[in-house]
Structures are given as C-alpha cells and as structure tokens.
C-alpha atoms as a PDB file:
ATOM      1  CA  MET A   1     120.359 105.030 101.445  1.00  0.00           C
ATOM      2  CA  HIS A   2     123.752 106.083 100.140  1.00  0.00           C
ATOM      3  CA  ASP A   3     126.389 107.809 102.270  1.00  0.00           C
ATOM      4  CA  ALA A   4     125.532 111.019 100.409  1.00  0.00           C
ATOM      5  CA  PRO A   5     121.755 110.811  99.897  1.00  0.00           C
ATOM      6  CA  SER A   6     120.164 112.826  97.113  1.00  0.00           C
ATOM      7  CA  CYS A   7     116.742 114.278  96.323  1.00  0.00           C
ATOM      8  CA  ILE A   8     114.722 116.437  93.975  1.00  0.00           C
ATOM      9  CA  VAL A   9     112.071 118.963  95.047  1.00  0.00           C
ATOM     10  CA  ALA A  10     109.028 119.659  92.838  1.00  0.00           C
ATOM     11  CA  GLU A  11     106.740 122.522  93.854  1.00  0.00           C
ATOM     12  CA  ASP A  12     105.226 125.072  91.474  1.00  0.00           C
ATOM     13  CA  GLU A  13     105.002 127.898  94.024  1.00  0.00           C
ATOM     14  CA  ALA A  14     108.481 129.434  94.197  1.00  0.00           C
ATOM     15  CA  LEU A  15     108.274 130.675  97.796  1.00  0.00           C
ATOM     16  CA  LEU A  16     107.079 127.315  99.104  1.00  0.00           C
ATOM     17  CA  ARG A  17     109.779 125.545  97.096  1.00  0.00           C
ATOM     18  CA  GLN A  18     112.489 127.810  98.503  1.00  0.00           C
ATOM     19  CA  ALA A  19     111.155 127.338 102.036  1.00  0.00           C
ATOM     20  CA  LEU A  20     111.197 123.538 101.718  1.00  0.00           C
ATOM     21  CA  VAL A  21     114.729 123.559 100.297  1.00  0.00           C
ATOM     22  CA  SER A  22     115.852 125.769 103.184  1.00  0.00           C
ATOM     23  CA  GLU A  23     114.197 123.517 105.783  1.00  0.00           C
ATOM     24  CA  LEU A  24     115.739 120.421 104.202  1.00  0.00           C
ATOM     25  CA  ALA A  25     119.186 121.990 104.466  1.00  0.00           C
ATOM     26  CA  ARG A  26     118.560 122.454 108.181  1.00  0.00           C
ATOM     27  CA  ALA A  27     116.943 119.080 108.884  1.00  0.00           C
ATOM     28  CA  TRP A  28     119.228 116.960 106.680  1.00  0.00           C
ATOM     29  CA  PRO A  29     122.553 118.727 106.017  1.00  0.00           C
ATOM     30  CA  ALA A  30     124.047 115.727 104.167  1.00  0.00           C
ATOM     31  CA  LEU A  31     121.192 115.631 101.636  1.00  0.00           C
ATOM     32  CA  ARG A  32     122.185 116.715  98.112  1.00  0.00           C
ATOM     33  CA  ILE A  33     119.374 118.549  96.323  1.00  0.00           C
ATOM     34  CA  LEU A  34     120.008 117.724  92.663  1.00  0.00           C
ATOM     35  CA  ALA A  35     117.076 119.582  91.096  1.00  0.00           C
ATOM     36  CA  GLU A  36     114.391 122.103  92.019  1.00  0.00           C
ATOM     37  CA  CYS A  37     111.411 121.704  89.677  1.00  0.00           C
ATOM     38  CA  GLU A  38     108.446 124.001  89.113  1.00  0.00           C
ATOM     39  CA  ASP A  39     106.192 121.544  87.266  1.00  0.00           C
ATOM     40  CA  GLY A  40     105.534 117.859  86.755  1.00  0.00           C
ATOM     41  CA  ALA A  41     107.265 117.569  83.397  1.00  0.00           C
ATOM     42  CA  SER A  42     110.608 118.853  84.679  1.00  0.00           C
ATOM     43  CA  ALA A  43     110.212 116.608  87.747  1.00  0.00           C
ATOM     44  CA  ILE A  44     109.892 113.505  85.548  1.00  0.00           C
ATOM     45  CA  ASP A  45     112.954 114.568  83.565  1.00  0.00           C
ATOM     46  CA  ALA A  46     114.909 115.124  86.791  1.00  0.00           C
ATOM     47  CA  LEU A  47     113.869 111.732  88.190  1.00  0.00           C
ATOM     48  CA  ALA A  48     114.996 109.940  85.038  1.00  0.00           C
ATOM     49  CA  GLU A  49     118.286 111.862  84.873  1.00  0.00           C
ATOM     50  CA  HIS A  50     119.342 111.795  88.531  1.00  0.00           C
ATOM     51  CA  GLN A  51     117.673 108.652  89.982  1.00  0.00           C
ATOM     52  CA  PRO A  52     117.551 110.343  93.420  1.00  0.00           C
ATOM     53  CA  ASP A  53     117.028 108.571  96.732  1.00  0.00           C
ATOM     54  CA  VAL A  54     114.032 110.786  97.565  1.00  0.00           C
ATOM     55  CA  ALA A  55     111.565 112.986  95.666  1.00  0.00           C
ATOM     56  CA  PHE A  56     109.493 115.639  97.438  1.00  0.00           C
ATOM     57  CA  LEU A  57     106.473 116.154  95.156  1.00  0.00           C
ATOM     58  CA  ASP A  58     103.707 118.710  95.390  1.00  0.00           C
ATOM     59  CA  ILE A  59     100.510 116.840  94.512  1.00  0.00           C
ATOM     60  CA  ARG A  60      98.919 119.746  92.651  1.00  0.00           C
ATOM     61  CA  MET A  61     101.161 121.099  89.895  1.00  0.00           C
ATOM     62  CA  PRO A  62     100.416 122.455  86.405  1.00  0.00           C
ATOM     63  CA  GLY A  63     100.126 119.812  83.715  1.00  0.00           C
ATOM     64  CA  LEU A  64     101.249 116.616  85.390  1.00  0.00           C
ATOM     65  CA  THR A  65     100.222 116.206  89.026  1.00  0.00           C
ATOM     66  CA  GLY A  66     102.474 114.807  91.716  1.00  0.00           C
ATOM     67  CA  LEU A  67     100.420 111.601  91.525  1.00  0.00           C
ATOM     68  CA  GLU A  68     101.225 111.233  87.813  1.00  0.00           C
ATOM     69  CA  VAL A  69     104.899 112.024  88.447  1.00  0.00           C
ATOM     70  CA  ALA A  70     105.013 109.366  91.175  1.00  0.00           C
ATOM     71  CA  ALA A  71     103.436 106.826  88.819  1.00  0.00           C
ATOM     72  CA  ALA A  72     106.058 107.614  86.173  1.00  0.00           C
ATOM     73  CA  ALA A  73     108.806 107.446  88.806  1.00  0.00           C
ATOM     74  CA  ALA A  74     107.978 103.784  89.460  1.00  0.00           C
ATOM     75  CA  GLU A  75     109.416 103.070  86.014  1.00  0.00           C
ATOM     76  CA  ALA A  76     111.803 105.989  85.482  1.00  0.00           C
ATOM     77  CA  SER A  77     113.482 105.750  88.911  1.00  0.00           C
ATOM     78  CA  PRO A  78     112.135 102.742  90.843  1.00  0.00           C
ATOM     79  CA  ARG A  79     114.397 103.114  93.870  1.00  0.00           C
ATOM     80  CA  THR A  80     113.272 106.680  94.617  1.00  0.00           C
ATOM     81  CA  ARG A  81     111.198 107.162  97.764  1.00  0.00           C
ATOM     82  CA  ILE A  82     108.283 109.545  97.334  1.00  0.00           C
ATOM     83  CA  VAL A  83     107.245 112.188  99.860  1.00  0.00           C
ATOM     84  CA  PHE A  84     104.115 114.109  98.875  1.00  0.00           C
ATOM     85  CA  VAL A  85     103.751 117.741  99.894  1.00  0.00           C
ATOM     86  CA  THR A  86     100.046 118.400 100.076  1.00  0.00           C
ATOM     87  CA  ALA A  87      97.252 120.671 101.246  1.00  0.00           C
ATOM     88  CA  TYR A  88      94.747 117.802 101.177  1.00  0.00           C
ATOM     89  CA  ASP A  89      92.291 117.390 104.019  1.00  0.00           C
ATOM     90  CA  GLN A  90      92.383 114.563 106.542  1.00  0.00           C
ATOM     91  CA  TYR A  91      89.998 112.404 104.513  1.00  0.00           C
ATOM     92  CA  ALA A  92      92.568 112.103 101.733  1.00  0.00           C
ATOM     93  CA  ILE A  93      95.483 111.894 104.164  1.00  0.00           C
ATOM     94  CA  ASP A  94      93.906 108.765 105.672  1.00  0.00           C
ATOM     95  CA  ALA A  95      94.569 107.035 102.345  1.00  0.00           C
ATOM     96  CA  PHE A  96      98.344 107.237 102.757  1.00  0.00           C
ATOM     97  CA  ASP A  97      99.957 103.883 103.454  1.00  0.00           C
ATOM     98  CA  ARG A  98     102.767 104.675 105.876  1.00  0.00           C
ATOM     99  CA  GLY A  99     104.782 101.693 104.663  1.00  0.00           C
ATOM    100  CA  ALA A 100     104.877 102.861 101.045  1.00  0.00           C
ATOM    101  CA  ILE A 101     105.105 106.614 101.228  1.00  0.00           C
ATOM    102  CA  ASP A 102     105.215 109.672 103.451  1.00  0.00           C
ATOM    103  CA  TYR A 103     103.608 113.087 103.253  1.00  0.00           C
ATOM    104  CA  LEU A 104     104.037 116.645 104.502  1.00  0.00           C
ATOM    105  CA  LEU A 105     101.113 118.987 105.012  1.00  0.00           C
ATOM    106  CA  LYS A 106     101.369 122.596 103.843  1.00  0.00           C
ATOM    107  CA  PRO A 107     102.633 124.747 105.397  1.00  0.00           C
ATOM    108  CA  VAL A 108     105.448 122.354 106.269  1.00  0.00           C
ATOM    109  CA  LYS A 109     106.272 122.376 109.975  1.00  0.00           C
ATOM    110  CA  PRO A 110     109.910 121.833 111.037  1.00  0.00           C
ATOM    111  CA  GLU A 111     109.064 119.107 113.566  1.00  0.00           C
ATOM    112  CA  ARG A 112     107.021 117.181 110.958  1.00  0.00           C
ATOM    113  CA  LEU A 113     109.851 117.436 108.432  1.00  0.00           C
ATOM    114  CA  ASP A 114     112.296 116.200 111.082  1.00  0.00           C
ATOM    115  CA  ALA A 115     110.099 113.126 111.615  1.00  0.00           C
ATOM    116  CA  THR A 116     109.971 112.457 107.863  1.00  0.00           C
ATOM    117  CA  VAL A 117     113.751 112.786 107.571  1.00  0.00           C
ATOM    118  CA  ALA A 118     114.212 110.360 110.476  1.00  0.00           C
ATOM    119  CA  ARG A 119     111.933 107.830 108.770  1.00  0.00           C
ATOM    120  CA  LEU A 120     113.751 108.177 105.444  1.00  0.00           C
ATOM    121  CA  GLN A 121     117.145 107.738 107.109  1.00  0.00           C
ATOM    122  CA  ALA A 122     115.939 104.599 108.897  1.00  0.00           C
ATOM    123  CA  GLN A 123     114.591 102.887 105.762  1.00  0.00           C
ATOM    124  CA  ASP A 124     117.093 100.812 103.822  1.00  0.00           C
ATOM    125  CA  SER A 125     114.733  98.691 101.708  1.00  0.00           C
ATOM    126  CA  LEU A 126     113.473  99.770  98.305  1.00  0.00           C
ATOM    127  CA  PRO A 127     109.969 101.243  97.960  1.00  0.00           C
ATOM    128  CA  ASP A 128     107.132  98.742  97.640  1.00  0.00           C
ATOM    129  CA  ALA A 129     106.024  99.297  94.036  1.00  0.00           C
ATOM    130  CA  ALA A 130     102.737  97.415  94.407  1.00  0.00           C
ATOM    131  CA  ALA A 131     101.772  99.326  97.553  1.00  0.00           C
ATOM    132  CA  LEU A 132     102.680 102.634  95.877  1.00  0.00           C
ATOM    133  CA  ALA A 133     100.573 101.815  92.801  1.00  0.00           C
ATOM    134  CA  ALA A 134      97.577 100.916  94.989  1.00  0.00           C
ATOM    135  CA  LEU A 135      97.978 104.123  96.981  1.00  0.00           C
ATOM    136  CA  LEU A 136      98.154 106.287  93.860  1.00  0.00           C
ATOM    137  CA  ASP A 137      94.943 104.717  92.553  1.00  0.00           C
ATOM    138  CA  LYS A 138      93.190 105.332  95.868  1.00  0.00           C
ATOM    139  CA  LEU A 139      94.392 108.937  96.130  1.00  0.00           C
ATOM    140  CA  GLY A 140      93.413 109.642  92.542  1.00  0.00           C
ATOM    141  CA  ALA A 141      89.873 108.385  93.207  1.00  0.00           C
ATOM    142  CA  LEU A 142      89.530 110.278  96.480  1.00  0.00           C
ATOM    143  CA  SER A 143      90.896 113.621  95.583  1.00  0.00           C
ATOM    144  CA  LYS A 144      90.515 114.745  92.001  1.00  0.00           C
ATOM    145  CA  PRO A 145      91.231 118.498  92.202  1.00  0.00           C
ATOM    146  CA  ALA A 146      88.361 120.703  91.148  1.00  0.00           C
ATOM    147  CA  GLU A 147      89.061 122.669  87.987  1.00  0.00           C
ATOM    148  CA  ALA A 148      89.585 126.327  88.813  1.00  0.00           C
ATOM    149  CA  THR A 149      88.371 127.305  85.360  1.00  0.00           C
ATOM    150  CA  GLU A 150      86.654 125.612  82.453  1.00  0.00           C
ATOM    151  CA  PRO A 151      89.108 124.132  79.916  1.00  0.00           C
ATOM    152  CA  LEU A 152      89.804 126.258  76.867  1.00  0.00           C
ATOM    153  CA  THR A 153      87.495 125.685  73.884  1.00  0.00           C
ATOM    154  CA  TRP A 154      89.211 128.088  71.484  1.00  0.00           C
ATOM    155  CA  LEU A 155      92.211 130.405  71.390  1.00  0.00           C
ATOM    156  CA  THR A 156      93.627 133.261  69.351  1.00  0.00           C
ATOM    157  CA  ALA A 157      97.093 132.911  67.836  1.00  0.00           C
ATOM    158  CA  SER A 158      99.087 134.904  65.312  1.00  0.00           C
ATOM    159  CA  ALA A 159     100.514 133.883  61.936  1.00  0.00           C
ATOM    160  CA  GLY A 160     102.514 136.791  60.555  1.00  0.00           C
ATOM    161  CA  ARG A 161     100.122 139.760  60.528  1.00  0.00           C
ATOM    162  CA  GLU A 162      97.047 137.538  60.702  1.00  0.00           C
ATOM    163  CA  THR A 163      95.259 136.691  63.944  1.00  0.00           C
ATOM    164  CA  ARG A 164      93.658 133.262  63.816  1.00  0.00           C
ATOM    165  CA  LEU A 165      90.756 131.926  65.842  1.00  0.00           C
ATOM    166  CA  ILE A 166      91.539 128.255  66.496  1.00  0.00           C
ATOM    167  CA  LEU A 167      89.173 125.702  67.993  1.00  0.00           C
ATOM    168  CA  ILE A 168      91.005 123.698  70.650  1.00  0.00           C
ATOM    169  CA  ASP A 169      89.754 120.438  69.072  1.00  0.00           C
ATOM    170  CA  ASP A 170      91.574 121.374  65.847  1.00  0.00           C
ATOM    171  CA  VAL A 171      94.976 121.576  67.561  1.00  0.00           C
ATOM    172  CA  ALA A 172      97.219 118.590  66.783  1.00  0.00           C
ATOM    173  CA  TYR A 173      99.895 119.595  69.290  1.00  0.00           C
ATOM    174  CA  PHE A 174     101.547 122.471  71.138  1.00  0.00           C
ATOM    175  CA  ARG A 175     105.315 123.020  71.072  1.00  0.00           C
ATOM    176  CA  ALA A 176     107.288 125.268  73.423  1.00  0.00           C
ATOM    177  CA  ASP A 177     108.904 128.209  71.603  1.00  0.00           C
ATOM    178  CA  GLN A 178     111.051 130.073  74.141  1.00  0.00           C
ATOM    179  CA  LYS A 179     108.580 132.226  76.117  1.00  0.00           C
ATOM    180  CA  TYR A 180     105.779 131.487  73.667  1.00  0.00           C
ATOM    181  CA  THR A 181     104.014 128.413  72.292  1.00  0.00           C
ATOM    182  CA  THR A 182     103.636 127.196  68.722  1.00  0.00           C
ATOM    183  CA  VAL A 183     100.140 125.888  67.954  1.00  0.00           C
ATOM    184  CA  VAL A 184     100.097 123.244  65.208  1.00  0.00           C
ATOM    185  CA  THR A 185      96.922 122.323  63.305  1.00  0.00           C
ATOM    186  CA  ALA A 186      96.328 120.433  60.058  1.00  0.00           C
ATOM    187  CA  GLU A 187      96.477 123.791  58.251  1.00  0.00           C
ATOM    188  CA  GLY A 188      99.798 124.978  59.670  1.00  0.00           C
ATOM    189  CA  GLU A 189     101.497 126.731  62.571  1.00  0.00           C
ATOM    190  CA  SER A 190     100.582 129.800  64.614  1.00  0.00           C
ATOM    191  CA  LEU A 191     102.167 131.522  67.589  1.00  0.00           C
ATOM    192  CA  LEU A 192     100.468 131.815  70.963  1.00  0.00           C
ATOM    193  CA  ARG A 193     101.870 134.521  73.239  1.00  0.00           C
ATOM    194  CA  THR A 194     101.634 132.273  76.276  1.00  0.00           C
ATOM    195  CA  SER A 195     104.230 129.867  77.622  1.00  0.00           C
ATOM    196  CA  LEU A 196     103.572 126.133  77.589  1.00  0.00           C
ATOM    197  CA  ARG A 197     103.610 126.118  81.386  1.00  0.00           C
ATOM    198  CA  GLU A 198     100.940 128.838  81.570  1.00  0.00           C
ATOM    199  CA  LEU A 199      98.841 127.020  78.977  1.00  0.00           C
ATOM    200  CA  LEU A 200      98.900 123.604  80.677  1.00  0.00           C
ATOM    201  CA  PRO A 201      96.385 124.291  83.479  1.00  0.00           C
ATOM    202  CA  ARG A 202      93.835 125.582  80.922  1.00  0.00           C
ATOM    203  CA  LEU A 203      93.808 122.399  78.819  1.00  0.00           C
ATOM    204  CA  ASP A 204      91.561 119.380  79.331  1.00  0.00           C
ATOM    205  CA  GLY A 205      93.912 116.781  80.792  1.00  0.00           C
ATOM    206  CA  ASN A 206      91.773 113.938  79.422  1.00  0.00           C
ATOM    207  CA  ILE A 207      92.420 115.090  75.853  1.00  0.00           C
ATOM    208  CA  PHE A 208      95.812 116.826  75.927  1.00  0.00           C
ATOM    209  CA  LYS A 209      98.836 114.917  77.236  1.00  0.00           C
ATOM    210  CA  GLN A 210     102.386 116.099  77.734  1.00  0.00           C
ATOM    211  CA  ILE A 211     104.757 113.712  75.927  1.00  0.00           C
ATOM    212  CA  HIS A 212     107.975 115.697  76.216  1.00  0.00           C
ATOM    213  CA  ARG A 213     109.150 118.640  78.258  1.00  0.00           C
ATOM    214  CA  SER A 214     108.372 120.889  75.286  1.00  0.00           C
ATOM    215  CA  THR A 215     105.415 119.092  73.641  1.00  0.00           C
ATOM    216  CA  ILE A 216     101.723 118.570  74.425  1.00  0.00           C
ATOM    217  CA  VAL A 217      99.690 116.425  72.024  1.00  0.00           C
ATOM    218  CA  ASN A 218      95.963 116.122  71.361  1.00  0.00           C
ATOM    219  CA  LEU A 219      95.139 112.435  71.896  1.00  0.00           C
ATOM    220  CA  LYS A 220      92.424 112.696  69.230  1.00  0.00           C
ATOM    221  CA  ALA A 221      95.090 113.676  66.684  1.00  0.00           C
ATOM    222  CA  ILE A 222      97.233 110.571  67.264  1.00  0.00           C
ATOM    223  CA  ALA A 223      97.261 107.827  64.624  1.00  0.00           C
ATOM    224  CA  GLY A 224      99.666 105.539  66.515  1.00  0.00           C
ATOM    225  CA  ILE A 225     102.470 105.261  69.081  1.00  0.00           C
ATOM    226  CA  THR A 226     105.555 103.046  68.804  1.00  0.00           C
ATOM    227  CA  ARG A 227     108.276 102.357  71.395  1.00  0.00           C
ATOM    228  CA  ASP A 228     111.928 101.856  70.410  1.00  0.00           C
ATOM    229  CA  ASP A 229     114.651  99.801  72.119  1.00  0.00           C
ATOM    230  CA  THR A 230     115.662 102.741  74.350  1.00  0.00           C
ATOM    231  CA  GLY A 231     112.159 103.060  75.810  1.00  0.00           C
ATOM    232  CA  ARG A 232     111.354 106.283  73.992  1.00  0.00           C
ATOM    233  CA  GLY A 233     108.269 106.564  71.815  1.00  0.00           C
ATOM    234  CA  THR A 234     107.266 108.059  68.486  1.00  0.00           C
ATOM    235  CA  VAL A 235     103.816 109.483  67.808  1.00  0.00           C
ATOM    236  CA  ARG A 236     102.307 109.438  64.323  1.00  0.00           C
ATOM    237  CA  LEU A 237      99.639 112.057  63.645  1.00  0.00           C
ATOM    238  CA  LYS A 238      96.484 111.717  61.576  1.00  0.00           C
ATOM    239  CA  GLN A 239      96.706 115.015  59.700  1.00  0.00           C
ATOM    240  CA  ARG A 240     100.362 116.024  59.971  1.00  0.00           C
ATOM    241  CA  PRO A 241     103.376 114.470  58.208  1.00  0.00           C
ATOM    242  CA  GLU A 242     105.879 114.937  61.050  1.00  0.00           C
ATOM    243  CA  THR A 243     106.285 112.551  63.970  1.00  0.00           C
ATOM    244  CA  LEU A 244     106.662 113.559  67.628  1.00  0.00           C
ATOM    245  CA  THR A 245     109.098 112.155  70.164  1.00  0.00           C
ATOM    246  CA  VAL A 246     107.834 110.828  73.481  1.00  0.00           C
ATOM    247  CA  SER A 247     110.522 111.049  76.178  1.00  0.00           C
ATOM    248  CA  GLN A 248     111.118 107.706  77.898  1.00  0.00           C
ATOM    249  CA  PRO A 249     109.704 108.783  81.296  1.00  0.00           C
ATOM    250  CA  PHE A 250     106.481 110.004  79.650  1.00  0.00           C
ATOM    251  CA  MET A 251     105.821 106.617  77.986  1.00  0.00           C
ATOM    252  CA  THR A 252     104.487 105.459  81.363  1.00  0.00           C
ATOM    253  CA  LEU A 253     101.505 107.761  80.885  1.00  0.00           C
ATOM    254  CA  PHE A 254     100.545 105.867  77.731  1.00  0.00           C
ATOM    255  CA  LYS A 255     100.830 102.298  78.974  1.00  0.00           C
ATOM    256  CA  HIS A 256      97.054 101.895  79.304  1.00  0.00           C
ATOM    257  CA  MET A 257      96.332 103.250  75.808  1.00  0.00           C
END
C-alpha cells in the first residue's frame, strides 16, 4: 500500500453508499476516496482512471454487476484489491477465498469493517489474479441474481410527434441523451423518456452489453469488433453505417467473443 492509500466505492443505493463512505472515514482516516459510483459502468471508468489501491464493490448493481466490474478490474487496474459489499447468504459467502478477496455483509457493521481495514493495511503483495478469476467464476455459478422482472420485449419511443412501438430485438444500440435515451434501429432514431441507468436493469444482459459509459449495444446487431493499439475497440454494425467506440475497460467483457 502507498503512504496515502486510495479507493473507490461503488454502490447503487445512495444511503448505503453514503453510510459506507462515512464508516470508511472513521475506520481509515488516511484513505482517500477518489470516486463514489452508483453503477458498474462508472465504477469501471473510475478504476481505469484512478488505479486505486482498493475498490469496495456492491455485487448487485444495475447493468454491470460487481462481479463483472471485478473481472474488468483485473485488466483495467490489476493492483487494485477488491472488497465485495454483499447481501448474499452464507452459502455464497463460503465461496470467498480469503487470500484473494474480502467481503462485507450488508448492513455493514463497524467492527467487521475495522477487521477488513486491518487486513488491507497488512497486505503488501499484489492481488492474486488467478485466485480472483477462479473466485469470480465460482461466485457467478453459485449466485446468479433472480430477475426482478421479465426483460423488456418492446418499448414505446417518440420521433417528433410520432410515437413508435419498437421491438427490443430491432434495437441496434441505446445511447445516453442527458436524462433520456436515444434508441437506434435500422430505420432511424427515437427518444425514450428513460435514462440509460433506469433502462439497464430491464434489458436482457445476455443480449445487450454496455460498451461505453453512454452506450449499450445489441450483440445480435454487431458485425465485428476490432481493437486498436490503445486497447480501445470499435464495433461495426450490420444495419447501421456508423461505428461505436468500446472504452478500453469494457473490452474485457468481450474477450470470450
């Protein structure tokens, strides 16, 4: 650890995030909190930008889960130690390898946080990437979160004065547009009066992947992906002329494609 250790905190529930930040200030006064993130995409961006010593990640977040963020962190910020904040039951907790990672159960108890801080302060070696990868695979198999609602199959969006009924399979990609979301199909663009963050939990994560903080693409609409010398990617689409940028941290999510 550095003389002035740093961290990011990723938790989508604002009150829980504020409580953890407050407890960290008490338990580890020297710790610099470089970013407070409310979803997985912003957490990946923060990891790549800040390369913190520690990342406190909620496992269940909209869009990208804490498990997916941790997997991306292995490439985006390999020296970062991961601490999961979780409401998982003991069966899943048993999967944690104490040598590779730590965890905090919700609601976070001060004495448990103190123990985690003590462990982090005592560890000077880098995280074991192989052990972390094995743990993430095991956790993913054990504890796939149940979908609260069925994924969207269609949506209504506006184009000027017209309201369009769009099948979700026809969407090539979604693009953040301030508080709203632009829906792009082969036929053109429409506006959805929902933010990208609100939309994420309603999409089928096996079909729609976030490739940038402001872009979600339909995997079925992709013609090809190329990586440049900087590690960023470019997506070519089957039925659209434009290309889409894949931020470098998000390329990790496509390595098995």
